[in-house]
PDB file of N, CA and C in Angstrom:
ATOM      1  N   MET A   1      69.648  88.610  98.411  1.00  0.00           N
ATOM      2  CA  MET A   1      70.793  88.906  97.532  1.00  0.00           C
ATOM      3  C   MET A   1      72.491  88.479  98.505  1.00  0.00           C
ATOM      4  N   LEU A   2      71.912  89.206  99.860  1.00  0.00           N
ATOM      5  CA  LEU A   2      73.158  88.465 100.894  1.00  0.00           C
ATOM      6  C   LEU A   2      73.216  87.041 101.316  1.00  0.00           C
ATOM      7  N   SER A   3      72.277  86.627 101.548  1.00  0.00           N
ATOM      8  CA  SER A   3      71.903  85.103 101.533  1.00  0.00           C
ATOM      9  C   SER A   3      72.458  84.252 100.793  1.00  0.00           C
ATOM     10  N   TRP A   4      72.202  84.763  99.179  1.00  0.00           N
ATOM     11  CA  TRP A   4      72.825  83.896  98.012  1.00  0.00           C
ATOM     12  C   TRP A   4      74.397  84.372  98.003  1.00  0.00           C
ATOM     13  N   ILE A   5      74.824  85.582  98.233  1.00  0.00           N
ATOM     14  CA  ILE A   5      76.204  85.955  98.153  1.00  0.00           C
ATOM     15  C   ILE A   5      77.055  84.996  99.224  1.00  0.00           C
ATOM     16  N   LEU A   6      76.510  84.558 100.377  1.00  0.00           N
ATOM     17  CA  LEU A   6      77.173  84.086 101.442  1.00  0.00           C
ATOM     18  C   LEU A   6      77.256  82.945 101.007  1.00  0.00           C
ATOM     19  N   GLU A   7      75.840  82.264 100.805  1.00  0.00           N
ATOM     20  CA  GLU A   7      75.953  80.467 100.170  1.00  0.00           C
ATOM     21  C   GLU A   7      77.099  80.219  99.478  1.00  0.00           C
ATOM     22  N   LYS A   8      76.893  80.772  98.562  1.00  0.00           N
ATOM     23  CA  LYS A   8      78.129  80.723  97.276  1.00  0.00           C
ATOM     24  C   LYS A   8      79.145  80.757  97.990  1.00  0.00           C
ATOM     25  N   HIS A   9      79.775  81.773  98.300  1.00  0.00           N
ATOM     26  CA  HIS A   9      81.335  82.192  98.770  1.00  0.00           C
ATOM     27  C   HIS A   9      81.177  81.108  99.854  1.00  0.00           C
ATOM     28  N   ARG A  10      80.323  80.331 100.097  1.00  0.00           N
ATOM     29  CA  ARG A  10      80.441  79.012 101.550  1.00  0.00           C
ATOM     30  C   ARG A  10      80.983  77.915 101.054  1.00  0.00           C
ATOM     31  N   SER A  11      80.266  77.552  99.780  1.00  0.00           N
ATOM     32  CA  SER A  11      80.081  76.598  99.118  1.00  0.00           C
ATOM     33  C   SER A  11      80.943  76.410  97.677  1.00  0.00           C
ATOM     34  N   TRP A  12      81.137  77.332  97.673  1.00  0.00           N
ATOM     35  CA  TRP A  12      82.300  77.610  96.239  1.00  0.00           C
ATOM     36  C   TRP A  12      83.668  77.966  96.201  1.00  0.00           C
ATOM     37  N   SER A  13      84.135  78.099  97.844  1.00  0.00           N
ATOM     38  CA  SER A  13      85.448  78.627  98.052  1.00  0.00           C
ATOM     39  C   SER A  13      85.982  77.397  99.215  1.00  0.00           C
ATOM     40  N   ASP A  14      87.559  77.871  99.619  1.00  0.00           N
ATOM     41  CA  ASP A  14      88.143  76.632 100.253  1.00  0.00           C
ATOM     42  C   ASP A  14      88.149  77.359 101.631  1.00  0.00           C
ATOM     43  N   CYS A  15      86.929  77.584 101.920  1.00  0.00           N
ATOM     44  CA  CYS A  15      86.755  77.904 104.026  1.00  0.00           C
ATOM     45  C   CYS A  15      86.826  77.154 104.676  1.00  0.00           C
ATOM     46  N   GLY A  16      85.919  75.738 104.310  1.00  0.00           N
ATOM     47  CA  GLY A  16      85.473  74.804 105.064  1.00  0.00           C
ATOM     48  C   GLY A  16      84.391  75.052 105.832  1.00  0.00           C
ATOM     49  N   GLY A  17      83.636  75.951 105.802  1.00  0.00           N
ATOM     50  CA  GLY A  17      82.297  75.883 105.513  1.00  0.00           C
ATOM     51  C   GLY A  17      82.646  77.402 106.876  1.00  0.00           C
ATOM     52  N   ASP A  18      83.461  78.037 106.866  1.00  0.00           N
ATOM     53  CA  ASP A  18      83.784  79.241 107.693  1.00  0.00           C
ATOM     54  C   ASP A  18      83.948  80.364 106.919  1.00  0.00           C
ATOM     55  N   VAL A  19      82.796  81.342 105.833  1.00  0.00           N
ATOM     56  CA  VAL A  19      83.121  81.929 105.446  1.00  0.00           C
ATOM     57  C   VAL A  19      84.055  83.302 105.728  1.00  0.00           C
ATOM     58  N   SER A  20      83.772  83.758 106.807  1.00  0.00           N
ATOM     59  CA  SER A  20      84.802  84.621 107.393  1.00  0.00           C
ATOM     60  C   SER A  20      86.075  84.193 107.628  1.00  0.00           C
ATOM     61  N   SER A  21      86.485  82.955 107.193  1.00  0.00           N
ATOM     62  CA  SER A  21      88.056  82.715 107.391  1.00  0.00           C
ATOM     63  C   SER A  21      89.108  83.009 106.358  1.00  0.00           C
ATOM     64  N   ARG A  22      88.253  83.175 105.194  1.00  0.00           N
ATOM     65  CA  ARG A  22      88.448  83.873 104.117  1.00  0.00           C
ATOM     66  C   ARG A  22      88.014  84.955 103.420  1.00  0.00           C
ATOM     67  N   PHE A  23      86.452  85.378 103.979  1.00  0.00           N
ATOM     68  CA  PHE A  23      85.927  87.054 103.273  1.00  0.00           C
ATOM     69  C   PHE A  23      85.516  87.148 104.675  1.00  0.00           C
ATOM     70  N   SER A  24      86.004  89.058 104.192  1.00  0.00           N
ATOM     71  CA  SER A  24      85.930  89.969 105.191  1.00  0.00           C
ATOM     72  C   SER A  24      84.319  90.314 105.123  1.00  0.00           C
ATOM     73  N   ASP A  25      83.177  90.963 106.551  1.00  0.00           N
ATOM     74  CA  ASP A  25      82.049  90.916 106.152  1.00  0.00           C
ATOM     75  C   ASP A  25      81.774  92.046 105.410  1.00  0.00           C
ATOM     76  N   ASP A  26      82.808  93.248 105.446  1.00  0.00           N
ATOM     77  CA  ASP A  26      82.804  94.208 104.798  1.00  0.00           C
ATOM     78  C   ASP A  26      82.949  93.606 102.885  1.00  0.00           C
ATOM     79  N   TYR A  27      83.913  92.881 102.618  1.00  0.00           N
ATOM     80  CA  TYR A  27      83.859  92.355 101.110  1.00  0.00           C
ATOM     81  C   TYR A  27      82.829  91.943 100.926  1.00  0.00           C
ATOM     82  N   LEU A  28      81.706  90.898 101.537  1.00  0.00           N
ATOM     83  CA  LEU A  28      80.676  90.277 101.051  1.00  0.00           C
ATOM     84  C   LEU A  28      79.534  91.235 101.286  1.00  0.00           C
ATOM     85  N   LEU A  29      79.423  91.842 102.180  1.00  0.00           N
ATOM     86  CA  LEU A  29      78.231  93.560 102.303  1.00  0.00           C
ATOM     87  C   LEU A  29      78.598  94.155 100.678  1.00  0.00           C
ATOM     88  N   THR A  30      79.956  94.594 100.565  1.00  0.00           N
ATOM     89  CA  THR A  30      79.919  95.301  99.320  1.00  0.00           C
ATOM     90  C   THR A  30      79.384  94.850  98.368  1.00  0.00           C
ATOM     91  N   LEU A  31      80.045  93.527  98.258  1.00  0.00           N
ATOM     92  CA  LEU A  31      79.583  92.300  96.961  1.00  0.00           C
ATOM     93  C   LEU A  31      78.224  92.693  96.680  1.00  0.00           C
ATOM     94  N   ALA A  32      77.728  92.008  98.303  1.00  0.00           N
ATOM     95  CA  ALA A  32      76.053  91.732  97.753  1.00  0.00           C
ATOM     96  C   ALA A  32      75.460  93.327  97.101  1.00  0.00           C
ATOM     97  N   SER A  33      76.016  94.362  97.956  1.00  0.00           N
ATOM     98  CA  SER A  33      75.495  95.734  97.820  1.00  0.00           C
ATOM     99  C   SER A  33      75.623  96.358  95.970  1.00  0.00           C
ATOM    100  N   ALA A  34      76.413  95.740  95.616  1.00  0.00           N
ATOM    101  CA  ALA A  34      76.879  96.278  94.612  1.00  0.00           C
ATOM    102  C   ALA A  34      75.775  95.617  93.485  1.00  0.00           C
ATOM    103  N   TYR A  35      75.693  94.348  93.605  1.00  0.00           N
ATOM    104  CA  TYR A  35      74.863  93.606  92.880  1.00  0.00           C
ATOM    105  C   TYR A  35      73.253  94.123  93.306  1.00  0.00           C
ATOM    106  N   TRP A  36      72.985  94.600  94.142  1.00  0.00           N
ATOM    107  CA  TRP A  36      71.683  95.058  94.892  1.00  0.00           C
ATOM    108  C   TRP A  36      71.354  96.284  94.354  1.00  0.00           C
ATOM    109  N   PHE A  37      72.194  97.655  94.370  1.00  0.00           N
ATOM    110  CA  PHE A  37      71.671  98.852  94.127  1.00  0.00           C
ATOM    111  C   PHE A  37      72.227  99.226  92.782  1.00  0.00           C
ATOM    112  N   THR A  38      72.972  97.958  91.749  1.00  0.00           N
ATOM    113  CA  THR A  38      72.911  98.314  90.443  1.00  0.00           C
ATOM    114  C   THR A  38      71.715  97.526  89.612  1.00  0.00           C
ATOM    115  N   ASN A  39      71.307  96.510  90.718  1.00  0.00           N
ATOM    116  CA  ASN A  39      70.169  95.346  89.359  1.00  0.00           C
ATOM    117  C   ASN A  39      71.428  94.748  88.773  1.00  0.00           C
ATOM    118  N   SER A  40      72.277  94.474  89.134  1.00  0.00           N
ATOM    119  CA  SER A  40      73.363  93.637  88.122  1.00  0.00           C
ATOM    120  C   SER A  40      73.713  92.302  88.333  1.00  0.00           C
ATOM    121  N   ILE A  41      72.832  91.569  89.287  1.00  0.00           N
ATOM    122  CA  ILE A  41      73.058  90.118  89.489  1.00  0.00           C
ATOM    123  C   ILE A  41      73.227  89.567  88.093  1.00  0.00           C
ATOM    124  N   GLY A  42      71.971  89.634  87.258  1.00  0.00           N
ATOM    125  CA  GLY A  42      71.834  88.898  86.080  1.00  0.00           C
ATOM    126  C   GLY A  42      73.024  88.461  84.976  1.00  0.00           C
ATOM    127  N   THR A  43      74.080  89.939  85.145  1.00  0.00           N
ATOM    128  CA  THR A  43      74.809  89.929  84.338  1.00  0.00           C
ATOM    129  C   THR A  43      76.138  88.879  84.793  1.00  0.00           C
ATOM    130  N   SER A  44      75.990  88.423  86.103  1.00  0.00           N
ATOM    131  CA  SER A  44      76.780  87.000  86.464  1.00  0.00           C
ATOM    132  C   SER A  44      76.390  85.720  86.440  1.00  0.00           C
ATOM    133  N   PHE A  45      74.716  85.675  86.223  1.00  0.00           N
ATOM    134  CA  PHE A  45      74.182  84.685  85.858  1.00  0.00           C
ATOM    135  C   PHE A  45      74.148  84.580  84.108  1.00  0.00           C
ATOM    136  N   ARG A  46      73.983  84.983  83.215  1.00  0.00           N
ATOM    137  CA  ARG A  46      74.422  85.076  82.142  1.00  0.00           C
ATOM    138  C   ARG A  46      75.169  84.058  81.224  1.00  0.00           C
ATOM    139  N   PRO A  47      76.341  83.976  81.536  1.00  0.00           N
ATOM    140  CA  PRO A  47      77.031  83.270  81.022  1.00  0.00           C
ATOM    141  C   PRO A  47      76.664  81.859  81.254  1.00  0.00           C
ATOM    142  N   TYR A  48      75.848  81.290  82.568  1.00  0.00           N
ATOM    143  CA  TYR A  48      75.745  80.040  82.977  1.00  0.00           C
ATOM    144  C   TYR A  48      74.485  79.959  82.498  1.00  0.00           C
ATOM    145  N   TYR A  49      73.497  80.555  81.947  1.00  0.00           N
ATOM    146  CA  TYR A  49      72.062  80.419  81.478  1.00  0.00           C
ATOM    147  C   TYR A  49      72.987  80.307  79.869  1.00  0.00           C
ATOM    148  N   GLU A  50      73.457  81.108  79.143  1.00  0.00           N
ATOM    149  CA  GLU A  50      73.925  81.121  77.853  1.00  0.00           C
ATOM    150  C   GLU A  50      73.900  79.671  77.381  1.00  0.00           C
ATOM    151  N   HIS A  51      75.125  78.805  78.148  1.00  0.00           N
ATOM    152  CA  HIS A  51      75.425  77.843  78.219  1.00  0.00           C
ATOM    153  C   HIS A  51      74.813  76.278  77.973  1.00  0.00           C
ATOM    154  N   ALA A  52      73.707  76.785  79.390  1.00  0.00           N
ATOM    155  CA  ALA A  52      72.527  75.510  79.560  1.00  0.00           C
ATOM    156  C   ALA A  52      71.547  75.739  78.406  1.00  0.00           C
ATOM    157  N   ALA A  53      71.197  77.101  77.986  1.00  0.00           N
ATOM    158  CA  ALA A  53      69.999  76.789  76.896  1.00  0.00           C
ATOM    159  C   ALA A  53      70.681  76.531  75.655  1.00  0.00           C
ATOM    160  N   GLY A  54      72.115  76.321  75.723  1.00  0.00           N
ATOM    161  CA  GLY A  54      72.776  76.159  74.070  1.00  0.00           C
ATOM    162  C   GLY A  54      72.737  77.607  73.255  1.00  0.00           C
ATOM    163  N   LEU A  55      72.916  78.580  73.994  1.00  0.00           N
ATOM    164  CA  LEU A  55      72.855  79.826  73.118  1.00  0.00           C
ATOM    165  C   LEU A  55      74.072  79.868  72.499  1.00  0.00           C
ATOM    166  N   THR A  56      75.318  79.267  73.143  1.00  0.00           N
ATOM    167  CA  THR A  56      76.564  79.514  72.990  1.00  0.00           C
ATOM    168  C   THR A  56      77.336  78.546  72.224  1.00  0.00           C
ATOM    169  N   SER A  57      78.135  78.623  71.084  1.00  0.00           N
ATOM    170  CA  SER A  57      78.504  77.979  70.414  1.00  0.00           C
ATOM    171  C   SER A  57      80.252  77.214  71.044  1.00  0.00           C
ATOM    172  N   ARG A  58      80.271  75.930  70.395  1.00  0.00           N
ATOM    173  CA  ARG A  58      81.330  75.659  71.089  1.00  0.00           C
ATOM    174  C   ARG A  58      82.724  76.000  70.039  1.00  0.00           C
ATOM    175  N   ILE A  59      83.957  76.227  70.704  1.00  0.00           N
ATOM    176  CA  ILE A  59      84.808  76.925  70.384  1.00  0.00           C
ATOM    177  C   ILE A  59      85.428  75.888  69.664  1.00  0.00           C
ATOM    178  N   ALA A  60      86.126  76.160  68.529  1.00  0.00           N
ATOM    179  CA  ALA A  60      86.930  75.415  67.527  1.00  0.00           C
ATOM    180  C   ALA A  60      88.168  74.726  68.291  1.00  0.00           C
ATOM    181  N   ARG A  61      88.996  75.913  68.058  1.00  0.00           N
ATOM    182  CA  ARG A  61      90.487  75.432  68.624  1.00  0.00           C
ATOM    183  C   ARG A  61      91.030  76.895  68.747  1.00  0.00           C
ATOM    184  N   VAL A  62      91.234  77.132  69.872  1.00  0.00           N
ATOM    185  CA  VAL A  62      92.184  78.417  70.314  1.00  0.00           C
ATOM    186  C   VAL A  62      93.627  78.559  70.129  1.00  0.00           C
ATOM    187  N   GLU A  63      94.427  78.682  69.072  1.00  0.00           N
ATOM    188  CA  GLU A  63      95.804  78.843  68.999  1.00  0.00           C
ATOM    189  C   GLU A  63      96.804  79.785  69.881  1.00  0.00           C
ATOM    190  N   VAL A  64      96.008  80.715  70.488  1.00  0.00           N
ATOM    191  CA  VAL A  64      96.849  81.670  71.553  1.00  0.00           C
ATOM    192  C   VAL A  64      97.416  80.751  72.688  1.00  0.00           C
ATOM    193  N   PRO A  65      98.866  80.815  73.106  1.00  0.00           N
ATOM    194  CA  PRO A  65      99.007  80.363  74.348  1.00  0.00           C
ATOM    195  C   PRO A  65      98.224  80.680  75.267  1.00  0.00           C
ATOM    196  N   THR A  66      97.990  79.140  76.548  1.00  0.00           N
ATOM    197  CA  THR A  66      97.163  79.788  76.959  1.00  0.00           C
ATOM    198  C   THR A  66      97.359  78.709  78.111  1.00  0.00           C
ATOM    199  N   ALA A  67      97.167  79.467  79.504  1.00  0.00           N
ATOM    200  CA  ALA A  67      97.272  78.841  80.503  1.00  0.00           C
ATOM    201  C   ALA A  67      96.138  78.560  81.667  1.00  0.00           C
ATOM    202  N   VAL A  68      96.019  77.268  82.335  1.00  0.00           N
ATOM    203  CA  VAL A  68      94.878  77.228  82.664  1.00  0.00           C
ATOM    204  C   VAL A  68      95.632  76.937  84.455  1.00  0.00           C
ATOM    205  N   THR A  69      94.549  77.652  85.478  1.00  0.00           N
ATOM    206  CA  THR A  69      95.078  77.438  86.936  1.00  0.00           C
ATOM    207  C   THR A  69      94.263  76.904  87.579  1.00  0.00           C
ATOM    208  N   LEU A  70      94.239  75.634  88.406  1.00  0.00           N
ATOM    209  CA  LEU A  70      92.821  74.833  88.598  1.00  0.00           C
ATOM    210  C   LEU A  70      93.161  75.098  90.063  1.00  0.00           C
ATOM    211  N   PHE A  71      91.987  75.403  90.985  1.00  0.00           N
ATOM    212  CA  PHE A  71      91.923  75.587  92.205  1.00  0.00           C
ATOM    213  C   PHE A  71      91.107  73.989  92.762  1.00  0.00           C
ATOM    214  N   PRO A  72      91.869  73.450  94.137  1.00  0.00           N
ATOM    215  CA  PRO A  72      90.821  72.257  94.554  1.00  0.00           C
ATOM    216  C   PRO A  72      89.426  72.302  94.600  1.00  0.00           C
ATOM    217  N   HIS A  73      89.153  73.388  95.042  1.00  0.00           N
ATOM    218  CA  HIS A  73      87.555  73.910  95.678  1.00  0.00           C
ATOM    219  C   HIS A  73      86.922  74.766  94.118  1.00  0.00           C
ATOM    220  N   ASP A  74      87.024  75.025  93.212  1.00  0.00           N
ATOM    221  CA  ASP A  74      86.593  75.565  92.481  1.00  0.00           C
ATOM    222  C   ASP A  74      85.586  74.666  91.896  1.00  0.00           C
ATOM    223  N   LEU A  75      84.446  74.825  90.951  1.00  0.00           N
ATOM    224  CA  LEU A  75      83.292  74.183  90.553  1.00  0.00           C
ATOM    225  C   LEU A  75      83.942  72.930  89.135  1.00  0.00           C
ATOM    226  N   ALA A  76      84.591  73.198  88.801  1.00  0.00           N
ATOM    227  CA  ALA A  76      85.040  72.065  87.811  1.00  0.00           C
ATOM    228  C   ALA A  76      86.468  71.839  87.965  1.00  0.00           C
ATOM    229  N   SER A  77      86.915  70.844  87.332  1.00  0.00           N
ATOM    230  CA  SER A  77      88.222  70.310  87.205  1.00  0.00           C
ATOM    231  C   SER A  77      88.695  69.330  86.305  1.00  0.00           C
ATOM    232  N   PRO A  78      88.579  70.126  85.156  1.00  0.00           N
ATOM    233  CA  PRO A  78      88.713  69.466  83.634  1.00  0.00           C
ATOM    234  C   PRO A  78      90.162  68.766  83.626  1.00  0.00           C
ATOM    235  N   PRO A  79      90.105  67.432  83.263  1.00  0.00           N
ATOM    236  CA  PRO A  79      91.348  66.889  83.228  1.00  0.00           C
ATOM    237  C   PRO A  79      92.498  67.882  81.987  1.00  0.00           C
ATOM    238  N   ARG A  80      93.585  67.528  82.176  1.00  0.00           N
ATOM    239  CA  ARG A  80      94.873  68.676  81.515  1.00  0.00           C
ATOM    240  C   ARG A  80      94.138  67.683  79.422  1.00  0.00           C
ATOM    241  N   SER A  81      93.967  66.838  79.388  1.00  0.00           N
ATOM    242  CA  SER A  81      93.841  66.171  78.132  1.00  0.00           C
ATOM    243  C   SER A  81      92.332  66.887  77.307  1.00  0.00           C
ATOM    244  N   TRP A  82      91.502  67.173  78.453  1.00  0.00           N
ATOM    245  CA  TRP A  82      90.126  67.860  77.845  1.00  0.00           C
ATOM    246  C   TRP A  82      90.946  68.935  77.374  1.00  0.00           C
ATOM    247  N   ILE A  83      91.143  69.927  78.293  1.00  0.00           N
ATOM    248  CA  ILE A  83      92.097  71.483  77.790  1.00  0.00           C
ATOM    249  C   ILE A  83      92.692  71.611  76.425  1.00  0.00           C
ATOM    250  N   GLU A  84      93.706  70.706  76.431  1.00  0.00           N
ATOM    251  CA  GLU A  84      94.460  70.623  75.199  1.00  0.00           C
ATOM    252  C   GLU A  84      93.587  70.125  73.946  1.00  0.00           C
ATOM    253  N   ARG A  85      92.746  69.356  74.078  1.00  0.00           N
ATOM    254  CA  ARG A  85      92.011  69.248  72.895  1.00  0.00           C
ATOM    255  C   ARG A  85      91.378  70.720  72.002  1.00  0.00           C
ATOM    256  N   THR A  86      91.294  71.539  72.633  1.00  0.00           N
ATOM    257  CA  THR A  86      90.652  72.757  72.482  1.00  0.00           C
ATOM    258  C   THR A  86      91.612  74.090  72.495  1.00  0.00           C
ATOM    259  N   TYR A  87      92.492  73.979  73.265  1.00  0.00           N
ATOM    260  CA  TYR A  87      93.534  75.317  73.654  1.00  0.00           C
ATOM    261  C   TYR A  87      94.620  74.867  73.551  1.00  0.00           C
ATOM    262  N   ASN A  88      95.889  75.738  72.971  1.00  0.00           N
ATOM    263  CA  ASN A  88      97.302  75.424  73.003  1.00  0.00           C
ATOM    264  C   ASN A  88      97.745  75.853  74.093  1.00  0.00           C
ATOM    265  N   LEU A  89      97.468  74.684  75.006  1.00  0.00           N
ATOM    266  CA  LEU A  89      97.883  74.502  76.839  1.00  0.00           C
ATOM    267  C   LEU A  89      99.353  74.499  76.980  1.00  0.00           C
ATOM    268  N   VAL A  90      99.719  75.615  77.388  1.00  0.00           N
ATOM    269  CA  VAL A  90     101.419  75.609  77.534  1.00  0.00           C
ATOM    270  C   VAL A  90     101.946  76.062  79.369  1.00  0.00           C
ATOM    271  N   ARG A  91     100.845  76.297  80.107  1.00  0.00           N
ATOM    272  CA  ARG A  91     100.630  76.022  81.315  1.00  0.00           C
ATOM    273  C   ARG A  91      99.973  75.597  81.832  1.00  0.00           C
ATOM    274  N   TYR A  92      99.889  74.624  82.664  1.00  0.00           N
ATOM    275  CA  TYR A  92      98.920  73.797  83.812  1.00  0.00           C
ATOM    276  C   TYR A  92      98.996  73.781  84.983  1.00  0.00           C
ATOM    277  N   THR A  93      98.583  74.422  85.558  1.00  0.00           N
ATOM    278  CA  THR A  93      99.105  74.523  87.071  1.00  0.00           C
ATOM    279  C   THR A  93      97.651  74.020  88.465  1.00  0.00           C
ATOM    280  N   ARG A  94      98.159  72.963  89.291  1.00  0.00           N
ATOM    281  CA  ARG A  94      97.099  72.545  89.948  1.00  0.00           C
ATOM    282  C   ARG A  94      97.666  73.308  91.466  1.00  0.00           C
ATOM    283  N   MET A  95      96.819  73.925  91.880  1.00  0.00           N
ATOM    284  CA  MET A  95      97.216  74.807  92.673  1.00  0.00           C
ATOM    285  C   MET A  95      96.842  74.092  94.301  1.00  0.00           C
ATOM    286  N   PRO A  96      97.605  74.160  95.360  1.00  0.00           N
ATOM    287  CA  PRO A  96      97.396  73.685  96.767  1.00  0.00           C
ATOM    288  C   PRO A  96      96.102  73.917  97.700  1.00  0.00           C
ATOM    289  N   ARG A  97      95.823  75.007  97.186  1.00  0.00           N
ATOM    290  CA  ARG A  97      94.083  75.526  98.122  1.00  0.00           C
ATOM    291  C   ARG A  97      93.680  76.637  97.268  1.00  0.00           C
ATOM    292  N   GLY A  98      92.497  77.036  97.603  1.00  0.00           N
ATOM    293  CA  GLY A  98      91.506  78.006  96.840  1.00  0.00           C
ATOM    294  C   GLY A  98      90.242  77.496  96.115  1.00  0.00           C
ATOM    295  N   GLY A  99      89.576  78.060  95.638  1.00  0.00           N
ATOM    296  CA  GLY A  99      88.445  78.252  95.398  1.00  0.00           C
ATOM    297  C   GLY A  99      87.979  78.791  94.200  1.00  0.00           C
ATOM    298  N   HIS A 100      86.907  78.729  94.348  1.00  0.00           N
ATOM    299  CA  HIS A 100      86.101  79.375  92.442  1.00  0.00           C
ATOM    300  C   HIS A 100      86.427  81.082  92.672  1.00  0.00           C
ATOM    301  N   PHE A 101      86.440  81.565  93.886  1.00  0.00           N
ATOM    302  CA  PHE A 101      86.931  82.883  94.269  1.00  0.00           C
ATOM    303  C   PHE A 101      88.197  83.250  94.329  1.00  0.00           C
ATOM    304  N   ALA A 102      89.562  82.651  93.581  1.00  0.00           N
ATOM    305  CA  ALA A 102      90.867  82.458  93.990  1.00  0.00           C
ATOM    306  C   ALA A 102      91.495  83.916  93.617  1.00  0.00           C
ATOM    307  N   PRO A 103      90.952  84.805  92.824  1.00  0.00           N
ATOM    308  CA  PRO A 103      91.725  86.236  93.385  1.00  0.00           C
ATOM    309  C   PRO A 103      91.461  86.657  94.430  1.00  0.00           C
ATOM    310  N   HIS A 104      90.564  86.478  94.942  1.00  0.00           N
ATOM    311  CA  HIS A 104      90.366  87.073  96.276  1.00  0.00           C
ATOM    312  C   HIS A 104      90.911  85.786  97.370  1.00  0.00           C
ATOM    313  N   GLU A 105      90.499  84.947  97.693  1.00  0.00           N
ATOM    314  CA  GLU A 105      90.897  83.694  98.133  1.00  0.00           C
ATOM    315  C   GLU A 105      92.655  83.676  97.956  1.00  0.00           C
ATOM    316  N   GLU A 106      93.534  83.410  96.938  1.00  0.00           N
ATOM    317  CA  GLU A 106      94.444  83.255  96.951  1.00  0.00           C
ATOM    318  C   GLU A 106      95.242  84.114  96.172  1.00  0.00           C
ATOM    319  N   PRO A 107      95.632  85.470  96.421  1.00  0.00           N
ATOM    320  CA  PRO A 107      96.020  86.403  95.354  1.00  0.00           C
ATOM    321  C   PRO A 107      97.374  86.670  94.868  1.00  0.00           C
ATOM    322  N   ALA A 108      98.171  85.894  95.884  1.00  0.00           N
ATOM    323  CA  ALA A 108      99.501  85.727  95.471  1.00  0.00           C
ATOM    324  C   ALA A 108      99.726  84.473  94.776  1.00  0.00           C
ATOM    325  N   LEU A 109      99.312  83.407  95.059  1.00  0.00           N
ATOM    326  CA  LEU A 109      99.304  82.312  94.148  1.00  0.00           C
ATOM    327  C   LEU A 109      98.732  82.627  92.714  1.00  0.00           C
ATOM    328  N   LEU A 110      98.139  82.925  92.914  1.00  0.00           N
ATOM    329  CA  LEU A 110      97.083  83.121  91.577  1.00  0.00           C
ATOM    330  C   LEU A 110      98.320  84.448  90.661  1.00  0.00           C
ATOM    331  N   ALA A 111      98.793  85.367  91.329  1.00  0.00           N
ATOM    332  CA  ALA A 111      99.739  86.682  90.673  1.00  0.00           C
ATOM    333  C   ALA A 111     100.741  85.837  90.303  1.00  0.00           C
ATOM    334  N   ASP A 112     101.498  84.975  91.044  1.00  0.00           N
ATOM    335  CA  ASP A 112     103.099  84.169  90.418  1.00  0.00           C
ATOM    336  C   ASP A 112     102.704  83.416  89.555  1.00  0.00           C
ATOM    337  N   ASP A 113     101.453  82.549  89.746  1.00  0.00           N
ATOM    338  CA  ASP A 113     101.413  81.726  88.311  1.00  0.00           C
ATOM    339  C   ASP A 113     101.000  82.494  86.732  1.00  0.00           C
ATOM    340  N   ILE A 114     100.469  83.625  87.136  1.00  0.00           N
ATOM    341  CA  ILE A 114      99.909  84.390  85.925  1.00  0.00           C
ATOM    342  C   ILE A 114     101.296  85.070  85.611  1.00  0.00           C
ATOM    343  N   ALA A 115     102.423  85.701  86.169  1.00  0.00           N
ATOM    344  CA  ALA A 115     103.581  86.204  86.046  1.00  0.00           C
ATOM    345  C   ALA A 115     104.763  85.199  85.538  1.00  0.00           C
ATOM    346  N   ALA A 116     104.619  83.795  86.331  1.00  0.00           N
ATOM    347  CA  ALA A 116     105.477  82.823  85.279  1.00  0.00           C
ATOM    348  C   ALA A 116     104.972  82.488  84.037  1.00  0.00           C
ATOM    349  N   PHE A 117     103.359  82.371  83.708  1.00  0.00           N
ATOM    350  CA  PHE A 117     103.094  82.377  82.160  1.00  0.00           C
ATOM    351  C   PHE A 117     103.391  83.265  81.287  1.00  0.00           C
ATOM    352  N   ALA A 118     103.306  84.303  82.097  1.00  0.00           N
ATOM    353  CA  ALA A 118     103.759  85.405  81.088  1.00  0.00           C
ATOM    354  C   ALA A 118     105.544  85.656  81.042  1.00  0.00           C
ATOM    355  N   GLY A 119     106.211  85.805  81.589  1.00  0.00           N
ATOM    356  CA  GLY A 119     107.384  85.254  81.745  1.00  0.00           C
ATOM    357  C   GLY A 119     107.876  84.864  80.781  1.00  0.00           C
ATOM    358  N   ALA A 120     107.406  83.558  80.799  1.00  0.00           N
ATOM    359  CA  ALA A 120     107.684  82.129  79.999  1.00  0.00           C
ATOM    360  C   ALA A 120     107.102  82.303  78.256  1.00  0.00           C
ATOM    361  N   LEU A 121     106.476  83.666  77.750  1.00  0.00           N
ATOM    362  CA  LEU A 121     105.830  84.064  76.299  1.00  0.00           C
ATOM    363  C   LEU A 121     107.069  84.521  75.960  1.00  0.00           C
ATOM    364  N   PRO A 122     107.015  84.059  74.307  1.00  0.00           N
ATOM    365  CA  PRO A 122     108.117  84.484  73.783  1.00  0.00           C
ATOM    366  C   PRO A 122     107.667  86.237  73.571  1.00  0.00           C
ATOM    367  N   HIS A 123     108.832  87.344  73.667  1.00  0.00           N
ATOM    368  CA  HIS A 123     108.500  88.796  73.573  1.00  0.00           C
ATOM    369  C   HIS A 123     108.540  89.247  72.187  1.00  0.00           C
ATOM    370  N   ALA A 124     107.765  89.585  71.379  1.00  0.00           N
ATOM    371  CA  ALA A 124     107.537  90.331  70.419  1.00  0.00           C
ATOM    372  C   ALA A 124     109.110  91.446  70.348  1.00  0.00           C
ATOM    373  N   SER A 125     109.727  91.382  69.254  1.00  0.00           N
ATOM    374  CA  SER A 125     111.157  92.663  68.905  1.00  0.00           C
ATOM    375  C   SER A 125     110.334  93.873  68.723  1.00  0.00           C
ATOM    376  N   PRO A 126     110.858  94.932  69.332  1.00  0.00           N
ATOM    377  CA  PRO A 126     110.096  96.086  68.806  1.00  0.00           C
ATOM    378  C   PRO A 126     110.656  96.622  67.087  1.00  0.00           C
ATOM    379  N   GLY A 127     110.132  97.163  66.533  1.00  0.00           N
ATOM    380  CA  GLY A 127     110.325  97.853  65.340  1.00  0.00           C
ATOM    381  C   GLY A 127     109.758  97.084  64.629  1.00  0.00           C
TER     382      GLY A 127
END
């Protein structure tokens, strides 16, 4: 389990091959332990399996205002035009650094982008 966690964090993050430059030993050991002791690693695979097996249906259209933040070392980087076909895209941000584990790698960048998105949304008036 630990070797799988380490390999994914090395290859799916913006660490330049040095996992310890982005993730502490405590973090990685805690993550591996949580999956191992709870026997819950399968839940993290489920969305990938269901998509590959054709068990999920395609979303027709999402009209809720949507923000997409892309990190350069993530697994996918869909073009804006692809996202706009399915989502009401109101914010599209390409970050300068980060990867698949962006909330841990670049928490400030991500938090600032979420705050900017939320702050730009129209607010319902009380009552």
